[in-house]
Amino acid sequence: MSDFLSLMAAPFVGCLVLVGLHAYMGIHVLARGVIFVDLAIAQLAALGATVALLVGYTLEGKAAYGFSLLFVLLGAGFFALIRTRHERISQEAIIGITFVVASAASILAVDRAPHGAEHIKGLLVGSILWVTWPTIARTAAVYMGIGFLHWIFRRRLLQISRDPERAQREGVSLRLWDFVFYASFGVMIVLSVPIAGVLLVFSFLIVPAVCGALFSNRTRAQLFVGWGIGLAGSMVGCGLSYQLDLPTGATVVCTFGLVLLILAATRIILRKGAD
């Protein structure tokens, strides 16, 4: 038991810190219908880090975070500008194109960087098993700041996610508030991808939010369901990773997928029983 705690305590707490904010942001993402924005922004952050690597900085240094943040903020501004009331081309399509182009650019950049294959693998799977307590503390502090910002402006941010037409009729600047959302979302991604990798970050964002949406239309209820799923999935995933000697990030992702499948089946059974 002591060996398990010494090895898995930090990864488990790291998962809880990440899922705490990601589950909430996932509710916004589902409401906006931009499911792949997480992947697109994560890839922009990865591109920024790769550029930093090419010009001589280390991936662990502050410069890499600075480059990642710059690319993410540029992406946030772009995503805010392309949103219009009457869209001939869906925002999701443009986000998908952004992801593809950023991925291709990252591959071209990595091809010129030393140890490029290791860099790509690290971006995908992260290093949640080796996360340190200082990193967890710094991430939690920034996440609390982002969460506080969203709490202060929760009505406006939720309105532009759930009912942008009404917000526009009331004279609200959709582009301004979209930028606030995407910029704060991007800061979250810049911090989480080096820790957990793209796959686990996407799971933390989408799976708890989807699970919450299966059982409620209310934001608060969705959030609490999402947090519960995040806690349970992280606990089971970390436990299985230790017991079966499997990669922690991939194990947690598969656990989240299994939990979603079970809950979706349960929802179908309950609806049939009600009918």
Protein backbone atom coordinates (compact mmCIF):
# COMPACT_ATOMS: atom_id res chain seq x y z
CA MET A 1 0.00 0.00 0.00
CA SER A 2 2.82 2.39 0.85
CA ASP A 3 4.48 1.66 -2.50
CA PHE A 4 1.22 2.42 -4.30
CA LEU A 5 0.79 5.73 -2.50
CA SER A 6 4.38 6.81 -3.03
CA LEU A 7 4.14 6.15 -6.78
CA MET A 8 0.54 7.00 -7.63
CA ALA A 9 -0.46 9.74 -5.16
CA ALA A 10 0.93 12.60 -7.28
CA PRO A 11 -0.49 11.27 -10.59
CA PHE A 12 -3.91 10.78 -8.99
CA VAL A 13 -3.99 14.26 -7.48
CA GLY A 14 -2.72 15.64 -10.80
CA CYS A 15 -5.65 13.97 -12.55
CA LEU A 16 -8.09 15.52 -10.08
CA VAL A 17 -6.63 19.00 -10.56
CA LEU A 18 -6.89 18.70 -14.34
CA VAL A 19 -10.38 17.22 -14.43
CA GLY A 20 -11.66 19.87 -12.01
CA LEU A 21 -11.41 22.64 -14.62
CA HIS A 22 -11.57 20.51 -17.76
CA ALA A 23 -14.98 19.08 -16.84
CA TYR A 24 -16.38 22.61 -16.58
CA MET A 25 -14.78 23.76 -19.84
CA GLY A 26 -16.15 20.62 -21.49
CA ILE A 27 -19.69 21.81 -20.75
CA HIS A 28 -18.95 24.98 -22.73
CA VAL A 29 -17.38 23.00 -25.55
CA LEU A 30 -20.42 20.72 -25.88
CA ALA A 31 -22.81 23.69 -25.79
CA ARG A 32 -20.82 25.45 -28.52
CA GLY A 33 -20.56 22.31 -30.66
CA VAL A 34 -16.80 22.72 -31.10
CA ILE A 35 -15.73 19.31 -29.86
CA PHE A 36 -12.31 19.36 -31.46
CA VAL A 37 -11.25 22.80 -30.24
CA ASP A 38 -9.28 21.07 -27.50
CA LEU A 39 -7.23 19.14 -30.06
CA ALA A 40 -6.73 22.23 -32.23
CA ILE A 41 -5.55 24.43 -29.37
CA ALA A 42 -3.40 21.62 -27.96
CA GLN A 43 -1.79 21.24 -31.35
CA LEU A 44 -1.15 24.98 -31.55
CA ALA A 45 0.51 24.79 -28.12
CA ALA A 46 2.57 21.85 -29.34
CA LEU A 47 3.58 23.80 -32.43
CA GLY A 48 4.72 26.68 -30.25
CA ALA A 49 6.79 24.36 -28.07
CA THR A 50 8.32 22.76 -31.16
CA VAL A 51 9.31 26.15 -32.54
CA ALA A 52 10.93 26.95 -29.19
CA LEU A 53 12.84 23.67 -29.44
CA LEU A 54 14.02 24.53 -32.95
CA VAL A 55 15.42 27.90 -31.93
CA GLY A 56 17.43 26.37 -29.11
CA TYR A 57 15.25 26.32 -26.01
CA THR A 58 14.40 23.26 -23.91
CA LEU A 59 10.87 21.92 -23.68
CA GLU A 60 10.95 22.20 -19.90
CA GLY A 61 11.95 25.87 -19.86
CA LYS A 62 9.84 29.00 -19.54
CA ALA A 63 10.54 29.96 -23.15
CA ALA A 64 8.71 26.86 -24.42
CA TYR A 65 5.66 27.81 -22.34
CA GLY A 66 5.92 31.35 -23.68
CA PHE A 67 5.98 30.19 -27.30
CA SER A 68 3.08 27.83 -26.64
CA LEU A 69 1.06 30.57 -25.00
CA LEU A 70 1.75 32.96 -27.90
CA PHE A 71 0.53 30.44 -30.48
CA VAL A 72 -2.53 29.62 -28.35
CA LEU A 73 -3.50 33.28 -27.94
CA LEU A 74 -3.18 33.80 -31.68
CA GLY A 75 -5.45 30.79 -32.16
CA ALA A 76 -7.93 32.17 -29.59
CA GLY A 77 -8.10 35.45 -31.50
CA PHE A 78 -8.61 33.60 -34.77
CA PHE A 79 -11.40 31.40 -33.39
CA ALA A 80 -13.11 34.46 -31.92
CA LEU A 81 -12.97 36.31 -35.26
CA ILE A 82 -14.42 33.49 -37.35
CA ARG A 83 -17.60 33.18 -35.28
CA THR A 84 -20.54 34.90 -36.92
CA ARG A 85 -24.27 34.78 -36.40
CA HIS A 86 -25.03 33.26 -39.79
CA GLU A 87 -22.26 30.81 -40.61
CA ARG A 88 -22.01 29.49 -44.17
CA ILE A 89 -19.14 27.28 -43.03
CA SER A 90 -19.32 25.81 -39.53
CA GLN A 91 -16.79 26.93 -36.96
CA GLU A 92 -16.05 23.28 -36.23
CA ALA A 93 -14.89 22.78 -39.82
CA ILE A 94 -12.45 25.68 -39.55
CA ILE A 95 -11.23 24.40 -36.19
CA GLY A 96 -10.63 21.00 -37.78
CA ILE A 97 -8.65 22.61 -40.59
CA THR A 98 -6.61 24.52 -38.01
CA PHE A 99 -5.84 21.26 -36.22
CA VAL A 100 -4.70 19.56 -39.43
CA VAL A 101 -2.51 22.48 -40.53
CA ALA A 102 -0.98 22.88 -37.06
CA SER A 103 -0.31 19.14 -36.92
CA ALA A 104 1.39 19.18 -40.32
CA ALA A 105 3.46 22.22 -39.35
CA SER A 106 4.48 20.48 -36.13
CA ILE A 107 5.59 17.40 -38.06
CA LEU A 108 7.66 19.56 -40.41
CA ALA A 109 9.23 21.36 -37.46
CA VAL A 110 9.87 18.17 -35.49
CA ASP A 111 11.58 16.67 -38.54
CA ARG A 112 14.27 19.33 -38.11
CA ALA A 113 14.49 18.98 -34.34
CA PRO A 114 16.72 16.53 -32.48
CA HIS A 115 14.83 13.63 -30.86
CA GLY A 116 11.69 14.58 -32.76
CA ALA A 117 9.99 11.20 -32.32
CA GLU A 118 10.33 11.40 -28.54
CA HIS A 119 8.85 14.89 -28.65
CA ILE A 120 5.76 13.72 -30.55
CA LYS A 121 5.28 10.76 -28.19
CA GLY A 122 5.52 13.04 -25.19
CA LEU A 123 2.85 15.33 -26.59
CA LEU A 124 0.47 12.44 -27.13
CA VAL A 125 0.85 10.55 -23.84
CA GLY A 126 2.36 13.17 -21.53
CA SER A 127 4.13 12.22 -18.34
CA ILE A 128 1.37 12.10 -15.74
CA LEU A 129 3.14 9.27 -13.88
CA TRP A 130 6.15 11.50 -13.21
CA VAL A 131 4.31 14.72 -12.38
CA THR A 132 5.81 16.48 -9.37
CA TRP A 133 4.07 18.15 -6.46
CA PRO A 134 5.45 21.63 -7.33
CA THR A 135 4.04 21.25 -10.86
CA ILE A 136 0.68 20.21 -9.42
CA ALA A 137 0.67 23.20 -7.07
CA ARG A 138 1.51 25.68 -9.84
CA THR A 139 -1.11 24.20 -12.14
CA ALA A 140 -3.75 24.23 -9.39
CA ALA A 141 -3.01 27.89 -8.63
CA VAL A 142 -3.43 28.95 -12.27
CA TYR A 143 -6.55 26.80 -12.64
CA MET A 144 -8.06 28.46 -9.57
CA GLY A 145 -7.45 31.83 -11.22
CA ILE A 146 -9.13 30.70 -14.44
CA GLY A 147 -12.00 29.20 -12.46
CA PHE A 148 -12.43 32.44 -10.50
CA LEU A 149 -12.55 34.42 -13.75
CA HIS A 150 -15.25 32.12 -15.13
CA TRP A 151 -17.20 32.29 -11.87
CA ILE A 152 -17.24 36.11 -11.93
CA PHE A 153 -18.42 36.19 -15.55
CA ARG A 154 -20.30 32.88 -15.47
CA ARG A 155 -23.65 34.26 -16.68
CA ARG A 156 -22.15 36.02 -19.68
CA LEU A 157 -19.82 33.16 -20.64
CA LEU A 158 -22.56 30.55 -20.31
CA GLN A 159 -24.95 32.73 -22.30
CA ILE A 160 -22.61 33.08 -25.28
CA SER A 161 -22.04 29.32 -25.18
CA ARG A 162 -25.68 28.26 -24.83
CA ASP A 163 -27.66 31.14 -26.38
CA PRO A 164 -25.41 33.36 -28.53
CA GLU A 165 -28.37 34.71 -30.54
CA ARG A 166 -29.95 36.21 -27.43
CA ALA A 167 -26.59 37.61 -26.32
CA GLN A 168 -26.15 39.32 -29.67
CA ARG A 169 -29.66 40.77 -29.53
CA GLU A 170 -28.74 42.26 -26.16
CA GLY A 171 -25.72 43.97 -27.71
CA VAL A 172 -23.08 41.65 -26.26
CA SER A 173 -19.82 41.47 -28.21
CA LEU A 174 -19.56 37.80 -29.12
CA ARG A 175 -16.02 38.14 -30.44
CA LEU A 176 -14.76 39.78 -27.25
CA TRP A 177 -16.25 37.15 -24.97
CA ASP A 178 -15.26 34.37 -27.33
CA PHE A 179 -11.68 35.60 -27.04
CA VAL A 180 -11.94 35.58 -23.24
CA PHE A 181 -13.21 32.01 -23.35
CA TYR A 182 -10.69 30.69 -25.87
CA ALA A 183 -7.76 32.53 -24.25
CA SER A 184 -8.54 31.10 -20.80
CA PHE A 185 -9.15 27.71 -22.40
CA GLY A 186 -5.79 27.97 -24.13
CA VAL A 187 -3.91 28.77 -20.93
CA MET A 188 -5.47 25.67 -19.39
CA ILE A 189 -4.33 23.56 -22.35
CA VAL A 190 -0.78 24.97 -22.33
CA LEU A 191 -0.39 23.81 -18.73
CA SER A 192 -2.16 20.47 -19.03
CA VAL A 193 -0.72 18.99 -22.25
CA PRO A 194 2.90 18.70 -20.98
CA ILE A 195 1.59 16.94 -17.88
CA ALA A 196 -1.04 14.61 -19.31
CA GLY A 197 -0.64 14.59 -23.09
CA VAL A 198 -3.20 15.34 -25.79
CA LEU A 199 -5.18 12.09 -25.43
CA LEU A 200 -5.73 12.31 -21.67
CA VAL A 201 -6.47 16.04 -21.79
CA PHE A 202 -9.14 15.43 -24.44
CA SER A 203 -10.67 12.68 -22.28
CA PHE A 204 -10.74 14.94 -19.21
CA LEU A 205 -12.48 17.62 -21.25
CA ILE A 206 -15.11 15.65 -23.13
CA VAL A 207 -15.98 12.44 -21.25
CA PRO A 208 -17.09 13.99 -17.90
CA ALA A 209 -19.09 16.66 -19.75
CA VAL A 210 -20.81 14.05 -21.95
CA CYS A 211 -21.59 11.91 -18.90
CA GLY A 212 -23.16 14.92 -17.22
CA ALA A 213 -25.20 15.74 -20.32
CA LEU A 214 -26.56 12.19 -20.38
CA PHE A 215 -28.42 12.75 -17.12
CA SER A 216 -29.18 16.47 -16.89
CA ASN A 217 -29.63 19.67 -18.88
CA ARG A 218 -28.64 21.88 -15.95
CA THR A 219 -25.11 23.22 -15.78
CA ARG A 220 -24.63 22.63 -12.06
CA ALA A 221 -25.87 19.04 -12.22
CA GLN A 222 -23.72 18.33 -15.28
CA LEU A 223 -20.71 19.73 -13.47
CA PHE A 224 -21.18 17.61 -10.36
CA VAL A 225 -21.76 14.47 -12.42
CA GLY A 226 -18.64 15.29 -14.44
CA TRP A 227 -16.55 15.77 -11.31
CA GLY A 228 -17.81 12.48 -9.93
CA ILE A 229 -16.92 10.67 -13.14
CA GLY A 230 -13.53 12.35 -13.16
CA LEU A 231 -12.84 11.22 -9.61
CA ALA A 232 -13.98 7.66 -10.21
CA GLY A 233 -12.28 7.29 -13.59
CA SER A 234 -8.99 8.68 -12.31
CA MET A 235 -9.05 6.46 -9.24
CA VAL A 236 -9.82 3.28 -11.16
CA GLY A 237 -7.42 4.14 -14.00
CA CYS A 238 -4.51 4.87 -11.67
CA GLY A 239 -5.25 1.70 -9.71
CA LEU A 240 -5.33 -0.46 -12.83
CA SER A 241 -2.17 1.16 -14.11
CA TYR A 242 -0.34 0.22 -10.92
CA GLN A 243 -1.76 -3.29 -10.59
CA LEU A 244 -1.28 -4.28 -14.24
CA ASP A 245 1.92 -2.28 -14.84
CA LEU A 246 0.37 -0.32 -17.72
CA PRO A 247 1.04 3.25 -18.96
CA THR A 248 -0.92 5.51 -16.64
CA GLY A 249 -2.23 8.03 -19.17
CA ALA A 250 -3.46 5.44 -21.67
CA THR A 251 -5.03 3.37 -18.88
CA VAL A 252 -6.98 6.35 -17.54
CA VAL A 253 -8.18 7.22 -21.07
CA CYS A 254 -9.46 3.67 -21.63
CA THR A 255 -11.10 3.69 -18.20
CA PHE A 256 -12.94 6.90 -19.04
CA GLY A 257 -14.12 5.36 -22.31
CA LEU A 258 -15.41 2.29 -20.47
CA VAL A 259 -17.20 4.41 -17.88
CA LEU A 260 -18.88 6.43 -20.63
CA LEU A 261 -20.00 3.24 -22.36
CA ILE A 262 -21.48 1.86 -19.12
CA LEU A 263 -23.30 5.09 -18.34
CA ALA A 264 -24.66 5.39 -21.88
CA ALA A 265 -25.99 1.82 -21.67
CA THR A 266 -27.49 2.57 -18.25
CA ARG A 267 -29.19 5.65 -19.66
CA ILE A 268 -30.71 3.66 -22.50
CA ILE A 269 -31.99 1.00 -20.07
CA LEU A 270 -33.50 3.62 -17.77
CA ARG A 271 -35.28 5.36 -20.65
CA LYS A 272 -36.70 2.07 -21.91
CA GLY A 273 -37.87 1.25 -18.38
CA ALA A 274 -39.57 4.62 -18.12
CA ASP A 275 -41.39 4.03 -21.43
